[in-house]
Amino acid sequence: MVTKEEIMNALRSVIDWEIGVDIVSLGLIYDVQVKDDNNVKVVMTLTTPGCPLQASLMEQVRAAVRSLGVKNVEVELTFDPPWSPERMDPEVRKMFGL
């Protein structure tokens, strides 16, 4: 059965090309639920509600999880709580001088 850790590692391949950093390090992934080998739910956010990359990033998330053999990937987009730079990996915050 696929693990949450394997999914998070796969999601590191999804890059927010406007920022140039993967979505896990940016803190955009709020939750991963492995229901069974064929069903996974990813709860994520974006840096801003009007992000023009929304559809693209969500499809890249689905593709990354499917690459692990998962058939059904539900991606839920939420803005509660809103994203803030504090969610970033500490090394990424340093990279941006935060």
N, C-alpha and C. Protein backbone atom coordinates (compact mmCIF):
# COMPACT_ATOMS: atom_id res chain seq x y z
N MET A 1 0.85 -1.18 0.00
CA MET A 1 0.00 0.00 0.00
C MET A 1 0.89 1.25 0.00
N VAL A 2 0.53 2.22 -0.78
CA VAL A 2 1.27 3.47 -0.85
C VAL A 2 1.17 4.20 0.49
N THR A 3 2.26 4.87 0.88
CA THR A 3 2.28 5.56 2.16
C THR A 3 2.20 7.08 1.96
N LYS A 4 1.84 7.75 3.02
CA LYS A 4 1.79 9.22 3.00
C LYS A 4 3.18 9.78 2.65
N GLU A 5 4.21 9.17 3.22
CA GLU A 5 5.59 9.62 2.96
C GLU A 5 5.94 9.48 1.48
N GLU A 6 5.56 8.37 0.85
CA GLU A 6 5.82 8.19 -0.58
C GLU A 6 5.08 9.24 -1.41
N ILE A 7 3.86 9.56 -1.00
CA ILE A 7 3.09 10.57 -1.71
C ILE A 7 3.74 11.94 -1.56
N MET A 8 4.12 12.29 -0.34
CA MET A 8 4.78 13.58 -0.13
C MET A 8 6.06 13.69 -0.94
N ASN A 9 6.82 12.61 -1.02
CA ASN A 9 8.04 12.62 -1.83
C ASN A 9 7.71 12.82 -3.31
N ALA A 10 6.65 12.17 -3.79
CA ALA A 10 6.24 12.34 -5.18
C ALA A 10 5.79 13.78 -5.44
N LEU A 11 5.12 14.37 -4.47
CA LEU A 11 4.63 15.74 -4.64
C LEU A 11 5.76 16.77 -4.69
N ARG A 12 6.95 16.38 -4.23
CA ARG A 12 8.10 17.29 -4.33
C ARG A 12 8.52 17.53 -5.78
N SER A 13 8.00 16.71 -6.68
CA SER A 13 8.30 16.90 -8.10
C SER A 13 7.42 17.99 -8.73
N VAL A 14 6.41 18.44 -7.99
CA VAL A 14 5.51 19.47 -8.50
C VAL A 14 6.07 20.83 -8.08
N ILE A 15 6.48 21.60 -9.08
CA ILE A 15 7.13 22.88 -8.85
C ILE A 15 6.18 24.03 -9.17
N ASP A 16 6.10 24.98 -8.27
CA ASP A 16 5.39 26.23 -8.56
C ASP A 16 6.38 27.05 -9.39
N TRP A 17 6.19 27.06 -10.70
CA TRP A 17 7.19 27.66 -11.58
C TRP A 17 7.30 29.17 -11.41
N GLU A 18 6.31 29.84 -10.85
CA GLU A 18 6.44 31.27 -10.60
C GLU A 18 7.45 31.54 -9.48
N ILE A 19 7.54 30.60 -8.54
CA ILE A 19 8.43 30.76 -7.40
C ILE A 19 9.69 29.91 -7.57
N GLY A 20 9.57 28.78 -8.27
CA GLY A 20 10.71 27.91 -8.51
C GLY A 20 11.00 26.95 -7.38
N VAL A 21 9.98 26.66 -6.57
CA VAL A 21 10.13 25.76 -5.42
C VAL A 21 8.99 24.76 -5.44
N ASP A 22 9.27 23.55 -4.94
CA ASP A 22 8.22 22.52 -4.93
C ASP A 22 7.12 22.86 -3.92
N ILE A 23 5.94 22.32 -4.20
CA ILE A 23 4.76 22.67 -3.41
C ILE A 23 4.80 22.13 -1.98
N VAL A 24 5.57 21.08 -1.73
CA VAL A 24 5.70 20.56 -0.36
C VAL A 24 6.54 21.54 0.46
N SER A 25 7.69 21.95 -0.09
CA SER A 25 8.56 22.89 0.62
C SER A 25 7.90 24.24 0.83
N LEU A 26 7.00 24.61 -0.07
CA LEU A 26 6.26 25.87 0.08
C LEU A 26 5.18 25.78 1.15
N GLY A 27 4.85 24.56 1.59
CA GLY A 27 3.81 24.39 2.60
C GLY A 27 2.41 24.43 2.02
N LEU A 28 2.28 24.10 0.74
CA LEU A 28 0.97 24.13 0.10
C LEU A 28 0.14 22.87 0.33
N ILE A 29 0.79 21.80 0.80
CA ILE A 29 0.06 20.55 1.07
C ILE A 29 -0.37 20.55 2.53
N TYR A 30 -1.68 20.57 2.75
CA TYR A 30 -2.22 20.59 4.11
C TYR A 30 -2.46 19.19 4.66
N ASP A 31 -2.84 18.25 3.81
CA ASP A 31 -3.15 16.90 4.29
C ASP A 31 -3.09 15.91 3.14
N VAL A 32 -2.72 14.68 3.45
CA VAL A 32 -2.76 13.56 2.52
C VAL A 32 -3.45 12.42 3.24
N GLN A 33 -4.51 11.89 2.63
CA GLN A 33 -5.23 10.77 3.21
C GLN A 33 -5.15 9.59 2.25
N VAL A 34 -4.56 8.51 2.72
CA VAL A 34 -4.49 7.28 1.92
C VAL A 34 -5.67 6.43 2.35
N LYS A 35 -6.64 6.32 1.46
CA LYS A 35 -7.84 5.55 1.79
C LYS A 35 -7.60 4.06 1.53
N ASP A 36 -6.95 3.75 0.43
CA ASP A 36 -6.49 2.40 0.09
C ASP A 36 -5.57 2.54 -1.12
N ASP A 37 -5.11 1.43 -1.67
CA ASP A 37 -4.15 1.49 -2.77
C ASP A 37 -4.65 2.25 -3.99
N ASN A 38 -5.93 2.36 -4.15
CA ASN A 38 -6.49 2.99 -5.33
C ASN A 38 -7.12 4.36 -5.09
N ASN A 39 -7.13 4.83 -3.85
CA ASN A 39 -7.83 6.07 -3.52
C ASN A 39 -7.02 6.92 -2.54
N VAL A 40 -6.69 8.13 -2.99
CA VAL A 40 -5.94 9.08 -2.16
C VAL A 40 -6.60 10.44 -2.27
N LYS A 41 -6.62 11.15 -1.15
CA LYS A 41 -7.12 12.53 -1.14
C LYS A 41 -5.99 13.45 -0.69
N VAL A 42 -5.80 14.51 -1.46
CA VAL A 42 -4.80 15.52 -1.13
C VAL A 42 -5.53 16.83 -0.90
N VAL A 43 -5.30 17.44 0.26
CA VAL A 43 -5.86 18.75 0.56
C VAL A 43 -4.70 19.74 0.44
N MET A 44 -4.92 20.74 -0.41
CA MET A 44 -3.84 21.69 -0.66
C MET A 44 -4.40 23.11 -0.76
N THR A 45 -3.49 24.05 -0.78
CA THR A 45 -3.83 25.45 -0.95
C THR A 45 -2.92 26.04 -2.00
N LEU A 46 -3.07 27.31 -2.24
CA LEU A 46 -2.22 28.06 -3.15
C LEU A 46 -1.72 29.29 -2.40
N THR A 47 -0.68 29.92 -2.92
CA THR A 47 -0.16 31.10 -2.23
C THR A 47 -1.16 32.25 -2.27
N THR A 48 -2.00 32.30 -3.32
CA THR A 48 -3.05 33.31 -3.42
C THR A 48 -4.30 32.69 -4.04
N PRO A 49 -5.48 33.12 -3.63
CA PRO A 49 -6.71 32.55 -4.19
C PRO A 49 -6.84 32.70 -5.70
N GLY A 50 -6.31 33.76 -6.28
CA GLY A 50 -6.44 33.98 -7.72
C GLY A 50 -5.28 33.44 -8.53
N CYS A 51 -4.52 32.52 -7.97
CA CYS A 51 -3.33 31.99 -8.63
C CYS A 51 -3.67 31.45 -10.02
N PRO A 52 -2.99 31.95 -11.07
CA PRO A 52 -3.27 31.48 -12.42
C PRO A 52 -2.82 30.04 -12.67
N LEU A 53 -2.05 29.47 -11.75
CA LEU A 53 -1.55 28.11 -11.91
C LEU A 53 -2.47 27.06 -11.28
N GLN A 54 -3.60 27.48 -10.76
CA GLN A 54 -4.47 26.56 -10.01
C GLN A 54 -4.74 25.26 -10.74
N ALA A 55 -5.30 25.31 -11.93
CA ALA A 55 -5.67 24.08 -12.65
C ALA A 55 -4.43 23.25 -12.97
N SER A 56 -3.38 23.90 -13.38
CA SER A 56 -2.14 23.20 -13.73
C SER A 56 -1.54 22.49 -12.52
N LEU A 57 -1.44 23.18 -11.40
CA LEU A 57 -0.87 22.57 -10.20
C LEU A 57 -1.72 21.40 -9.71
N MET A 58 -3.02 21.56 -9.74
CA MET A 58 -3.89 20.47 -9.29
C MET A 58 -3.73 19.24 -10.19
N GLU A 59 -3.60 19.44 -11.48
CA GLU A 59 -3.40 18.31 -12.38
C GLU A 59 -2.02 17.68 -12.18
N GLN A 60 -1.02 18.49 -11.91
CA GLN A 60 0.31 17.95 -11.62
C GLN A 60 0.32 17.14 -10.33
N VAL A 61 -0.46 17.56 -9.35
CA VAL A 61 -0.59 16.80 -8.10
C VAL A 61 -1.22 15.44 -8.41
N ARG A 62 -2.30 15.44 -9.18
CA ARG A 62 -2.93 14.16 -9.55
C ARG A 62 -1.94 13.25 -10.27
N ALA A 63 -1.20 13.80 -11.21
CA ALA A 63 -0.25 13.00 -11.99
C ALA A 63 0.87 12.45 -11.10
N ALA A 64 1.37 13.25 -10.18
CA ALA A 64 2.44 12.80 -9.29
C ALA A 64 1.98 11.63 -8.42
N VAL A 65 0.76 11.72 -7.90
CA VAL A 65 0.24 10.64 -7.06
C VAL A 65 -0.08 9.41 -7.91
N ARG A 66 -0.63 9.61 -9.09
CA ARG A 66 -0.91 8.48 -9.98
C ARG A 66 0.36 7.76 -10.39
N SER A 67 1.48 8.45 -10.44
CA SER A 67 2.74 7.82 -10.82
C SER A 67 3.15 6.73 -9.83
N LEU A 68 2.53 6.74 -8.66
CA LEU A 68 2.80 5.72 -7.63
C LEU A 68 1.86 4.52 -7.77
N GLY A 69 1.01 4.53 -8.79
CA GLY A 69 0.08 3.43 -9.01
C GLY A 69 -1.31 3.66 -8.44
N VAL A 70 -1.55 4.82 -7.89
CA VAL A 70 -2.87 5.15 -7.35
C VAL A 70 -3.79 5.49 -8.51
N LYS A 71 -4.98 4.93 -8.52
CA LYS A 71 -5.90 5.15 -9.63
C LYS A 71 -6.75 6.41 -9.46
N ASN A 72 -7.29 6.63 -8.26
CA ASN A 72 -8.20 7.75 -8.01
C ASN A 72 -7.55 8.74 -7.05
N VAL A 73 -7.36 9.96 -7.54
CA VAL A 73 -6.74 11.00 -6.72
C VAL A 73 -7.71 12.18 -6.65
N GLU A 74 -8.19 12.43 -5.46
CA GLU A 74 -9.06 13.59 -5.23
C GLU A 74 -8.18 14.72 -4.71
N VAL A 75 -8.25 15.88 -5.34
CA VAL A 75 -7.50 17.05 -4.88
C VAL A 75 -8.52 18.08 -4.42
N GLU A 76 -8.45 18.40 -3.15
CA GLU A 76 -9.34 19.42 -2.58
C GLU A 76 -8.54 20.69 -2.37
N LEU A 77 -9.03 21.77 -2.93
CA LEU A 77 -8.39 23.07 -2.77
C LEU A 77 -9.08 23.83 -1.64
N THR A 78 -8.29 24.34 -0.70
CA THR A 78 -8.84 25.09 0.43
C THR A 78 -8.01 26.34 0.67
N PHE A 79 -8.64 27.32 1.25
CA PHE A 79 -7.93 28.53 1.66
C PHE A 79 -8.17 28.78 3.14
N ASP A 80 -8.49 27.70 3.86
CA ASP A 80 -8.75 27.77 5.30
C ASP A 80 -7.91 26.71 6.00
N PRO A 81 -6.84 27.09 6.65
CA PRO A 81 -6.39 28.45 6.87
C PRO A 81 -5.66 28.99 5.64
N PRO A 82 -5.61 30.31 5.51
CA PRO A 82 -4.90 30.89 4.38
C PRO A 82 -3.41 30.57 4.47
N TRP A 83 -2.79 30.42 3.32
CA TRP A 83 -1.35 30.17 3.28
C TRP A 83 -0.60 31.41 3.73
N SER A 84 0.54 31.21 4.40
CA SER A 84 1.44 32.31 4.75
C SER A 84 2.87 31.77 4.66
N PRO A 85 3.85 32.65 4.53
CA PRO A 85 5.24 32.21 4.42
C PRO A 85 5.72 31.36 5.60
N GLU A 86 5.06 31.45 6.73
CA GLU A 86 5.45 30.64 7.89
C GLU A 86 5.28 29.15 7.61
N ARG A 87 4.47 28.79 6.62
CA ARG A 87 4.25 27.38 6.28
C ARG A 87 5.42 26.80 5.48
N MET A 88 6.27 27.66 4.94
CA MET A 88 7.40 27.20 4.14
C MET A 88 8.41 26.44 4.99
N ASP A 89 9.12 25.54 4.34
CA ASP A 89 10.26 24.87 4.96
C ASP A 89 11.25 25.95 5.40
N PRO A 90 11.86 25.82 6.57
CA PRO A 90 12.79 26.85 7.06
C PRO A 90 13.91 27.19 6.07
N GLU A 91 14.41 26.20 5.36
CA GLU A 91 15.48 26.46 4.38
C GLU A 91 14.97 27.33 3.23
N VAL A 92 13.73 27.13 2.83
CA VAL A 92 13.14 27.93 1.75
C VAL A 92 12.91 29.36 2.24
N ARG A 93 12.47 29.49 3.47
CA ARG A 93 12.28 30.85 4.03
C ARG A 93 13.61 31.60 4.03
N LYS A 94 14.68 30.90 4.42
CA LYS A 94 16.01 31.53 4.41
C LYS A 94 16.40 31.94 3.00
N MET A 95 16.12 31.07 2.04
CA MET A 95 16.46 31.35 0.64
C MET A 95 15.82 32.66 0.17
N PHE A 96 14.61 32.95 0.68
CA PHE A 96 13.90 34.16 0.31
C PHE A 96 14.14 35.31 1.30
N GLY A 97 15.03 35.09 2.25
CA GLY A 97 15.34 36.13 3.20
C GLY A 97 14.26 36.40 4.23
N LEU A 98 13.47 35.37 4.53
CA LEU A 98 12.39 35.54 5.50
C LEU A 98 12.75 34.94 6.85
